[in-house]
Amino acid sequence: MRSLSRVPALPLVVGVVLAFLVAGCAQPYSSSRGPSSGPTGQGVVWRSGTDTASALDSYRVTPWNTDDGDDPRAVSSPDVPGRAAIEYSVPAGGTRSELEPAYRSFRPGDEYWFGFAVYLPPDFPAGTSDWQVIAQWKNSGDGSPPLSVQVRGGRFVLDGGEGIGEHWTRDIGPARTGARTDLVLRVHFSDDPDEGSVDVVQDGREVVSDYRPRGGTLYPDEVSYLKTGLYRSSDIDADGSVFYDDVVIATSRDAASSLASGS
């Protein structure tokens, strides 16, 4: 038998290095997207889980998820029997309870559809004039995001641009409490106001079409990533909770619209 100590070392080392390089090339997005614990289906690239044991598995754990708020938790859905929801709760005077879907950042030229099945409980302070963000495409730098969905004055509104001095806002529709609302958005990501655009479908009806924010949908030289939950002004003196039955990132409107359907 040939002694292993006499086998030339160089071929072995080269082989190990080549194997490592091939393995690395096989998973180019491993650092930027995580598994989806929920069902996918054609056109869906990320989805939240459907049961309390797995609903949080496809979100990133970050130290900035909560700020004077409760940690997000998986609970039984308040409006869809047999399904999990994620509850985000912030007490009076608190500011943040959020999660980041474990999916890659969005860059200039990207276009995706996003589906949110949102339940606002009867005691949610929807009528306040202070800002309450329930979803935001947060820029990679500091400051307010280029694009967010807020609840304010009893309405869902699009908002953004403040971080570059180009603040804008656009009404979506009524924010009903004690009921679920399905919001489906198409976002074309660009820092060019002539290219960045947004469509919004509320409960199956298109309410915003090809809206082009004056600040674009990205900030120059930055990327954005999605955050869901509740982030709001500390001036709000009432407790607030938001339940997400489902969150979908997809490449088509139909795929993003299959909210909490089990498809």
C-alpha atoms as a PDB file:
ATOM      1  CA  MET A   1       0.000   0.000   0.000  1.00  0.00           C
ATOM      2  CA  ARG A   2       1.332   3.433  -0.939  1.00  0.00           C
ATOM      3  CA  SER A   3       2.011   5.699   2.015  1.00  0.00           C
ATOM      4  CA  LEU A   4      -0.160   8.867   2.071  1.00  0.00           C
ATOM      5  CA  SER A   5       2.790  10.818   3.378  1.00  0.00           C
ATOM      6  CA  ARG A   6       4.572  10.244   0.065  1.00  0.00           C
ATOM      7  CA  VAL A   7       1.715  11.467  -2.192  1.00  0.00           C
ATOM      8  CA  PRO A   8       2.653  14.840  -3.782  1.00  0.00           C
ATOM      9  CA  ALA A   9       0.734  17.591  -1.914  1.00  0.00           C
ATOM     10  CA  LEU A  10       0.267  20.067  -4.782  1.00  0.00           C
ATOM     11  CA  PRO A  11      -2.444  18.194  -6.774  1.00  0.00           C
ATOM     12  CA  LEU A  12      -4.419  17.667  -3.581  1.00  0.00           C
ATOM     13  CA  VAL A  13      -4.264  21.355  -2.669  1.00  0.00           C
ATOM     14  CA  VAL A  14      -5.251  22.437  -6.193  1.00  0.00           C
ATOM     15  CA  GLY A  15      -8.205  20.057  -6.150  1.00  0.00           C
ATOM     16  CA  VAL A  16      -9.459  21.400  -2.848  1.00  0.00           C
ATOM     17  CA  VAL A  17      -9.190  25.004  -4.066  1.00  0.00           C
ATOM     18  CA  LEU A  18     -11.050  24.210  -7.303  1.00  0.00           C
ATOM     19  CA  ALA A  19     -13.822  22.421  -5.417  1.00  0.00           C
ATOM     20  CA  PHE A  20     -14.230  25.417  -3.120  1.00  0.00           C
ATOM     21  CA  LEU A  21     -14.458  27.828  -6.053  1.00  0.00           C
ATOM     22  CA  VAL A  22     -17.039  25.696  -7.870  1.00  0.00           C
ATOM     23  CA  ALA A  23     -19.178  25.434  -4.739  1.00  0.00           C
ATOM     24  CA  GLY A  24     -19.038  29.185  -4.275  1.00  0.00           C
ATOM     25  CA  CYS A  25     -20.078  29.860  -7.859  1.00  0.00           C
ATOM     26  CA  ALA A  26     -23.031  27.494  -7.553  1.00  0.00           C
ATOM     27  CA  GLN A  27     -24.762  29.687  -4.957  1.00  0.00           C
ATOM     28  CA  PRO A  28     -24.217  33.328  -5.978  1.00  0.00           C
ATOM     29  CA  TYR A  29     -27.064  34.681  -3.811  1.00  0.00           C
ATOM     30  CA  SER A  30     -26.479  32.654  -0.668  1.00  0.00           C
ATOM     31  CA  SER A  31     -25.520  35.747   1.327  1.00  0.00           C
ATOM     32  CA  SER A  32     -28.431  37.870   0.156  1.00  0.00           C
ATOM     33  CA  ARG A  33     -31.518  35.683   0.219  1.00  0.00           C
ATOM     34  CA  GLY A  34     -32.796  33.107   2.622  1.00  0.00           C
ATOM     35  CA  PRO A  35     -35.199  30.196   2.410  1.00  0.00           C
ATOM     36  CA  SER A  36     -38.929  30.699   2.160  1.00  0.00           C
ATOM     37  CA  SER A  37     -40.743  28.592   4.692  1.00  0.00           C
ATOM     38  CA  GLY A  38     -44.088  29.206   3.010  1.00  0.00           C
ATOM     39  CA  PRO A  39     -45.444  27.893  -0.289  1.00  0.00           C
ATOM     40  CA  THR A  40     -44.041  29.498  -3.400  1.00  0.00           C
ATOM     41  CA  GLY A  41     -45.698  28.690  -6.704  1.00  0.00           C
ATOM     42  CA  GLN A  42     -44.976  30.044 -10.159  1.00  0.00           C
ATOM     43  CA  GLY A  43     -43.663  33.598 -10.098  1.00  0.00           C
ATOM     44  CA  VAL A  44     -43.195  33.774  -6.314  1.00  0.00           C
ATOM     45  CA  VAL A  45     -39.577  34.326  -5.249  1.00  0.00           C
ATOM     46  CA  TRP A  46     -40.173  34.763  -1.508  1.00  0.00           C
ATOM     47  CA  ARG A  47     -43.091  34.135   0.830  1.00  0.00           C
ATOM     48  CA  SER A  48     -43.722  34.159   4.572  1.00  0.00           C
ATOM     49  CA  GLY A  49     -44.622  30.944   6.345  1.00  0.00           C
ATOM     50  CA  THR A  50     -48.139  29.657   6.898  1.00  0.00           C
ATOM     51  CA  ASP A  51     -47.981  28.134  10.396  1.00  0.00           C
ATOM     52  CA  THR A  52     -46.799  29.444  13.739  1.00  0.00           C
ATOM     53  CA  ALA A  53     -43.849  27.033  13.828  1.00  0.00           C
ATOM     54  CA  SER A  54     -42.334  28.378  10.598  1.00  0.00           C
ATOM     55  CA  ALA A  55     -43.811  31.831   9.984  1.00  0.00           C
ATOM     56  CA  LEU A  56     -40.706  33.640  11.235  1.00  0.00           C
ATOM     57  CA  ASP A  57     -38.148  31.335   9.619  1.00  0.00           C
ATOM     58  CA  SER A  58     -37.845  33.254   6.355  1.00  0.00           C
ATOM     59  CA  TYR A  59     -37.121  36.611   8.004  1.00  0.00           C
ATOM     60  CA  ARG A  60     -33.760  38.020   9.015  1.00  0.00           C
ATOM     61  CA  VAL A  61     -33.002  38.512  12.682  1.00  0.00           C
ATOM     62  CA  THR A  62     -31.460  41.956  13.170  1.00  0.00           C
ATOM     63  CA  PRO A  63     -30.723  44.055  16.267  1.00  0.00           C
ATOM     64  CA  TRP A  64     -32.874  46.903  14.947  1.00  0.00           C
ATOM     65  CA  ASN A  65     -36.159  44.984  14.598  1.00  0.00           C
ATOM     66  CA  THR A  66     -37.625  46.580  17.707  1.00  0.00           C
ATOM     67  CA  ASP A  67     -37.314  49.957  19.402  1.00  0.00           C
ATOM     68  CA  ASP A  68     -39.578  50.547  22.410  1.00  0.00           C
ATOM     69  CA  GLY A  69     -41.896  47.917  20.928  1.00  0.00           C
ATOM     70  CA  ASP A  70     -42.630  44.217  21.293  1.00  0.00           C
ATOM     71  CA  ASP A  71     -40.679  41.590  19.381  1.00  0.00           C
ATOM     72  CA  PRO A  72     -42.625  40.358  16.342  1.00  0.00           C
ATOM     73  CA  ARG A  73     -44.305  37.024  17.034  1.00  0.00           C
ATOM     74  CA  ALA A  74     -46.123  34.287  15.144  1.00  0.00           C
ATOM     75  CA  VAL A  75     -49.754  33.901  16.250  1.00  0.00           C
ATOM     76  CA  SER A  76     -52.969  32.418  14.953  1.00  0.00           C
ATOM     77  CA  SER A  77     -54.441  34.690  12.304  1.00  0.00           C
ATOM     78  CA  PRO A  78     -57.284  36.851  13.654  1.00  0.00           C
ATOM     79  CA  ASP A  79     -59.217  36.557  10.380  1.00  0.00           C
ATOM     80  CA  VAL A  80     -58.064  33.404   8.507  1.00  0.00           C
ATOM     81  CA  PRO A  81     -58.865  30.214  10.478  1.00  0.00           C
ATOM     82  CA  GLY A  82     -56.049  27.689  10.552  1.00  0.00           C
ATOM     83  CA  ARG A  83     -53.389  30.092   9.324  1.00  0.00           C
ATOM     84  CA  ALA A  84     -50.543  31.849  11.094  1.00  0.00           C
ATOM     85  CA  ALA A  85     -50.042  35.599  11.123  1.00  0.00           C
ATOM     86  CA  ILE A  86     -47.192  37.749  12.347  1.00  0.00           C
ATOM     87  CA  GLU A  87     -48.182  40.286  14.979  1.00  0.00           C
ATOM     88  CA  TYR A  88     -46.288  43.543  15.317  1.00  0.00           C
ATOM     89  CA  SER A  89     -47.179  45.541  18.442  1.00  0.00           C
ATOM     90  CA  VAL A  90     -46.006  48.951  19.641  1.00  0.00           C
ATOM     91  CA  PRO A  91     -47.211  50.484  22.941  1.00  0.00           C
ATOM     92  CA  ALA A  92     -48.162  54.119  23.405  1.00  0.00           C
ATOM     93  CA  GLY A  93     -45.024  56.222  22.969  1.00  0.00           C
ATOM     94  CA  GLY A  94     -43.110  53.344  21.328  1.00  0.00           C
ATOM     95  CA  THR A  95     -41.729  53.416  17.799  1.00  0.00           C
ATOM     96  CA  ARG A  96     -40.801  50.130  16.132  1.00  0.00           C
ATOM     97  CA  SER A  97     -41.586  46.439  15.683  1.00  0.00           C
ATOM     98  CA  GLU A  98     -40.436  45.207  12.252  1.00  0.00           C
ATOM     99  CA  LEU A  99     -38.914  42.318  10.308  1.00  0.00           C
ATOM    100  CA  GLU A 100     -36.886  42.029   7.104  1.00  0.00           C
ATOM    101  CA  PRO A 101     -37.808  39.312   4.598  1.00  0.00           C
ATOM    102  CA  ALA A 102     -34.622  37.355   3.884  1.00  0.00           C
ATOM    103  CA  TYR A 103     -34.414  38.351   0.247  1.00  0.00           C
ATOM    104  CA  ARG A 104     -31.843  40.336  -1.693  1.00  0.00           C
ATOM    105  CA  SER A 105     -31.685  44.121  -1.926  1.00  0.00           C
ATOM    106  CA  PHE A 106     -33.366  45.946  -4.813  1.00  0.00           C
ATOM    107  CA  ARG A 107     -31.188  47.715  -7.358  1.00  0.00           C
ATOM    108  CA  PRO A 108     -31.704  50.137 -10.258  1.00  0.00           C
ATOM    109  CA  GLY A 109     -33.696  48.462 -13.027  1.00  0.00           C
ATOM    110  CA  ASP A 110     -35.276  45.790 -10.804  1.00  0.00           C
ATOM    111  CA  GLU A 111     -39.043  45.361 -11.025  1.00  0.00           C
ATOM    112  CA  TYR A 112     -41.034  43.279  -8.562  1.00  0.00           C
ATOM    113  CA  TRP A 113     -44.580  42.792  -7.319  1.00  0.00           C
ATOM    114  CA  PHE A 114     -45.203  42.802  -3.564  1.00  0.00           C
ATOM    115  CA  GLY A 115     -48.293  41.406  -1.860  1.00  0.00           C
ATOM    116  CA  PHE A 116     -49.347  42.273   1.696  1.00  0.00           C
ATOM    117  CA  ALA A 117     -52.352  40.765   3.491  1.00  0.00           C
ATOM    118  CA  VAL A 118     -52.748  43.226   6.376  1.00  0.00           C
ATOM    119  CA  TYR A 119     -55.248  43.078   9.234  1.00  0.00           C
ATOM    120  CA  LEU A 120     -55.767  46.214  11.332  1.00  0.00           C
ATOM    121  CA  PRO A 121     -57.612  45.323  14.559  1.00  0.00           C
ATOM    122  CA  PRO A 122     -60.618  47.397  15.681  1.00  0.00           C
ATOM    123  CA  ASP A 123     -58.576  49.421  18.177  1.00  0.00           C
ATOM    124  CA  PHE A 124     -55.785  50.337  15.728  1.00  0.00           C
ATOM    125  CA  PRO A 125     -55.364  54.166  15.762  1.00  0.00           C
ATOM    126  CA  ALA A 126     -55.846  54.561  12.021  1.00  0.00           C
ATOM    127  CA  GLY A 127     -57.261  58.075  12.309  1.00  0.00           C
ATOM    128  CA  THR A 128     -54.159  59.706  13.764  1.00  0.00           C
ATOM    129  CA  SER A 129     -52.477  62.452  11.730  1.00  0.00           C
ATOM    130  CA  ASP A 130     -49.043  61.171  12.819  1.00  0.00           C
ATOM    131  CA  TRP A 131     -47.110  58.824  10.547  1.00  0.00           C
ATOM    132  CA  GLN A 132     -47.358  55.040  10.875  1.00  0.00           C
ATOM    133  CA  VAL A 133     -45.281  52.948   8.461  1.00  0.00           C
ATOM    134  CA  ILE A 134     -46.471  49.375   7.853  1.00  0.00           C
ATOM    135  CA  ALA A 135     -44.075  48.566   4.978  1.00  0.00           C
ATOM    136  CA  GLN A 136     -40.988  50.328   3.719  1.00  0.00           C
ATOM    137  CA  TRP A 137     -38.343  49.822   1.085  1.00  0.00           C
ATOM    138  CA  LYS A 138     -35.561  51.144   3.277  1.00  0.00           C
ATOM    139  CA  ASN A 139     -32.520  52.663   1.651  1.00  0.00           C
ATOM    140  CA  SER A 140     -29.084  51.272   2.473  1.00  0.00           C
ATOM    141  CA  GLY A 141     -28.025  54.612   3.989  1.00  0.00           C
ATOM    142  CA  ASP A 142     -29.427  56.713   6.805  1.00  0.00           C
ATOM    143  CA  GLY A 143     -32.686  58.641   6.922  1.00  0.00           C
ATOM    144  CA  SER A 144     -36.242  58.212   5.713  1.00  0.00           C
ATOM    145  CA  PRO A 145     -36.869  55.659   2.928  1.00  0.00           C
ATOM    146  CA  PRO A 146     -37.500  56.501  -0.728  1.00  0.00           C
ATOM    147  CA  LEU A 147     -40.748  54.500  -0.613  1.00  0.00           C
ATOM    148  CA  SER A 148     -43.119  53.372   2.131  1.00  0.00           C
ATOM    149  CA  VAL A 149     -46.746  52.432   2.823  1.00  0.00           C
ATOM    150  CA  GLN A 150     -48.252  54.330   5.753  1.00  0.00           C
ATOM    151  CA  VAL A 151     -51.545  54.575   7.639  1.00  0.00           C
ATOM    152  CA  ARG A 152     -52.516  58.167   8.321  1.00  0.00           C
ATOM    153  CA  GLY A 153     -55.810  60.024   8.669  1.00  0.00           C
ATOM    154  CA  GLY A 154     -57.801  56.834   8.155  1.00  0.00           C
ATOM    155  CA  ARG A 155     -56.102  56.151   4.801  1.00  0.00           C
ATOM    156  CA  PHE A 156     -53.351  54.011   3.343  1.00  0.00           C
ATOM    157  CA  VAL A 157     -50.829  56.307   1.661  1.00  0.00           C
ATOM    158  CA  LEU A 158     -47.614  56.005  -0.310  1.00  0.00           C
ATOM    159  CA  ASP A 159     -44.836  58.224   1.007  1.00  0.00           C
ATOM    160  CA  GLY A 160     -41.157  58.846   0.325  1.00  0.00           C
ATOM    161  CA  GLY A 161     -38.356  61.062  -0.910  1.00  0.00           C
ATOM    162  CA  GLU A 162     -37.748  62.964   2.314  1.00  0.00           C
ATOM    163  CA  GLY A 163     -34.200  61.619   2.601  1.00  0.00           C
ATOM    164  CA  ILE A 164     -33.138  63.623  -0.472  1.00  0.00           C
ATOM    165  CA  GLY A 165     -35.347  66.660   0.071  1.00  0.00           C
ATOM    166  CA  GLU A 166     -37.983  65.495  -2.437  1.00  0.00           C
ATOM    167  CA  HIS A 167     -40.801  64.510  -0.106  1.00  0.00           C
ATOM    168  CA  TRP A 168     -43.994  63.299  -1.773  1.00  0.00           C
ATOM    169  CA  THR A 169     -47.171  61.486  -0.758  1.00  0.00           C
ATOM    170  CA  ARG A 170     -49.952  59.734  -2.676  1.00  0.00           C
ATOM    171  CA  ASP A 171     -53.289  58.433  -1.400  1.00  0.00           C
ATOM    172  CA  ILE A 172     -54.096  54.743  -1.847  1.00  0.00           C
ATOM    173  CA  GLY A 173     -57.477  54.220  -0.201  1.00  0.00           C
ATOM    174  CA  PRO A 174     -59.344  53.692   3.082  1.00  0.00           C
ATOM    175  CA  ALA A 175     -57.563  51.952   5.967  1.00  0.00           C
ATOM    176  CA  ARG A 176     -60.366  49.895   7.490  1.00  0.00           C
ATOM    177  CA  THR A 177     -60.011  48.599  11.047  1.00  0.00           C
ATOM    178  CA  GLY A 178     -61.422  45.269  12.131  1.00  0.00           C
ATOM    179  CA  ALA A 179     -60.868  43.978   8.607  1.00  0.00           C
ATOM    180  CA  ARG A 180     -58.168  42.637   6.320  1.00  0.00           C
ATOM    181  CA  THR A 181     -56.859  44.605   3.358  1.00  0.00           C
ATOM    182  CA  ASP A 182     -54.896  43.095   0.481  1.00  0.00           C
ATOM    183  CA  LEU A 183     -52.365  45.511  -0.987  1.00  0.00           C
ATOM    184  CA  VAL A 184     -50.430  44.511  -4.110  1.00  0.00           C
ATOM    185  CA  LEU A 185     -47.731  46.859  -5.412  1.00  0.00           C
ATOM    186  CA  ARG A 186     -45.575  46.859  -8.517  1.00  0.00           C
ATOM    187  CA  VAL A 187     -42.336  48.768  -8.005  1.00  0.00           C
ATOM    188  CA  HIS A 188     -39.863  49.630 -10.738  1.00  0.00           C
ATOM    189  CA  PHE A 189     -36.727  50.622  -8.864  1.00  0.00           C
ATOM    190  CA  SER A 190     -34.817  53.651 -10.118  1.00  0.00           C
ATOM    191  CA  ASP A 191     -33.424  56.910  -8.762  1.00  0.00           C
ATOM    192  CA  ASP A 192     -34.557  58.560 -12.008  1.00  0.00           C
ATOM    193  CA  PRO A 193     -38.058  60.067 -11.527  1.00  0.00           C
ATOM    194  CA  ASP A 194     -38.792  59.378 -15.182  1.00  0.00           C
ATOM    195  CA  GLU A 195     -38.185  55.653 -14.690  1.00  0.00           C
ATOM    196  CA  GLY A 196     -39.066  54.781 -11.084  1.00  0.00           C
ATOM    197  CA  SER A 197     -42.763  53.928 -10.874  1.00  0.00           C
ATOM    198  CA  VAL A 198     -45.398  52.316  -8.654  1.00  0.00           C
ATOM    199  CA  ASP A 199     -48.767  50.596  -9.207  1.00  0.00           C
ATOM    200  CA  VAL A 200     -51.072  49.740  -6.307  1.00  0.00           C
ATOM    201  CA  VAL A 201     -53.987  47.291  -6.241  1.00  0.00           C
ATOM    202  CA  GLN A 202     -56.203  47.416  -3.139  1.00  0.00           C
ATOM    203  CA  ASP A 203     -58.525  44.458  -2.606  1.00  0.00           C
ATOM    204  CA  GLY A 204     -58.394  43.583  -6.296  1.00  0.00           C
ATOM    205  CA  ARG A 205     -58.984  47.111  -7.612  1.00  0.00           C
ATOM    206  CA  GLU A 206     -56.206  49.145  -9.193  1.00  0.00           C
ATOM    207  CA  VAL A 207     -56.032  52.441  -7.314  1.00  0.00           C
ATOM    208  CA  VAL A 208     -52.633  53.792  -8.391  1.00  0.00           C
ATOM    209  CA  SER A 209     -51.303  53.304 -11.914  1.00  0.00           C
ATOM    210  CA  ASP A 210     -47.775  54.063 -13.142  1.00  0.00           C
ATOM    211  CA  TYR A 211     -47.188  56.714 -10.491  1.00  0.00           C
ATOM    212  CA  ARG A 212     -43.732  58.268 -10.824  1.00  0.00           C
ATOM    213  CA  PRO A 213     -42.556  59.845  -7.546  1.00  0.00           C
ATOM    214  CA  ARG A 214     -40.554  63.012  -8.003  1.00  0.00           C
ATOM    215  CA  GLY A 215     -37.823  61.498  -5.839  1.00  0.00           C
ATOM    216  CA  GLY A 216     -37.757  58.209  -7.746  1.00  0.00           C
ATOM    217  CA  THR A 217     -38.108  54.856  -5.990  1.00  0.00           C
ATOM    218  CA  LEU A 218     -34.439  54.561  -4.984  1.00  0.00           C
ATOM    219  CA  TYR A 219     -31.883  57.051  -3.742  1.00  0.00           C
ATOM    220  CA  PRO A 220     -28.795  57.738  -5.896  1.00  0.00           C
ATOM    221  CA  ASP A 221     -25.938  55.287  -5.312  1.00  0.00           C
ATOM    222  CA  GLU A 222     -27.996  53.240  -2.823  1.00  0.00           C
ATOM    223  CA  VAL A 223     -30.069  50.050  -2.831  1.00  0.00           C
ATOM    224  CA  SER A 224     -33.219  49.287  -0.840  1.00  0.00           C
ATOM    225  CA  TYR A 225     -34.513  46.328   1.164  1.00  0.00           C
ATOM    226  CA  LEU A 226     -38.031  45.492   2.338  1.00  0.00           C
ATOM    227  CA  LYS A 227     -39.190  45.837   5.948  1.00  0.00           C
ATOM    228  CA  THR A 228     -42.679  44.970   7.218  1.00  0.00           C
ATOM    229  CA  GLY A 229     -44.352  45.663  10.545  1.00  0.00           C
ATOM    230  CA  LEU A 230     -45.133  48.853  12.435  1.00  0.00           C
ATOM    231  CA  TYR A 231     -42.839  51.878  12.686  1.00  0.00           C
ATOM    232  CA  ARG A 232     -44.464  55.074  13.919  1.00  0.00           C
ATOM    233  CA  SER A 233     -44.195  58.422  15.628  1.00  0.00           C
ATOM    234  CA  SER A 234     -43.508  58.312  19.360  1.00  0.00           C
ATOM    235  CA  ASP A 235     -46.135  61.040  19.739  1.00  0.00           C
ATOM    236  CA  ILE A 236     -48.932  58.487  19.264  1.00  0.00           C
ATOM    237  CA  ASP A 237     -50.402  57.900  22.722  1.00  0.00           C
ATOM    238  CA  ALA A 238     -52.330  54.704  21.946  1.00  0.00           C
ATOM    239  CA  ASP A 239     -51.190  51.093  21.684  1.00  0.00           C
ATOM    240  CA  GLY A 240     -51.100  49.714  18.149  1.00  0.00           C
ATOM    241  CA  SER A 241     -50.849  46.278  16.530  1.00  0.00           C
ATOM    242  CA  VAL A 242     -50.705  45.144  12.901  1.00  0.00           C
ATOM    243  CA  PHE A 243     -51.194  41.532  11.760  1.00  0.00           C
ATOM    244  CA  TYR A 244     -49.704  40.227   8.510  1.00  0.00           C
ATOM    245  CA  ASP A 245     -51.479  37.109   7.238  1.00  0.00           C
ATOM    246  CA  ASP A 246     -49.134  36.880   4.272  1.00  0.00           C
ATOM    247  CA  VAL A 247     -46.258  38.660   2.520  1.00  0.00           C
ATOM    248  CA  VAL A 248     -45.224  37.790  -1.044  1.00  0.00           C
ATOM    249  CA  ILE A 249     -42.445  38.970  -3.342  1.00  0.00           C
ATOM    250  CA  ALA A 250     -43.089  37.940  -6.934  1.00  0.00           C
ATOM    251  CA  THR A 251     -42.425  38.605 -10.588  1.00  0.00           C
ATOM    252  CA  SER A 252     -46.074  39.013 -11.613  1.00  0.00           C
ATOM    253  CA  ARG A 253     -49.281  40.590 -10.347  1.00  0.00           C
ATOM    254  CA  ASP A 254     -51.120  37.263 -10.281  1.00  0.00           C
ATOM    255  CA  ALA A 255     -48.416  35.628  -8.166  1.00  0.00           C
ATOM    256  CA  ALA A 256     -48.305  38.525  -5.700  1.00  0.00           C
ATOM    257  CA  SER A 257     -52.093  38.511  -5.440  1.00  0.00           C
ATOM    258  CA  SER A 258     -52.337  34.912  -4.202  1.00  0.00           C
ATOM    259  CA  LEU A 259     -52.409  36.154  -0.631  1.00  0.00           C
ATOM    260  CA  ALA A 260     -53.151  33.738   2.204  1.00  0.00           C
ATOM    261  CA  SER A 261     -54.698  31.422  -0.353  1.00  0.00           C
ATOM    262  CA  GLY A 262     -52.431  28.444   0.263  1.00  0.00           C
ATOM    263  CA  SER A 263     -51.404  28.369  -3.391  1.00  0.00           C
END
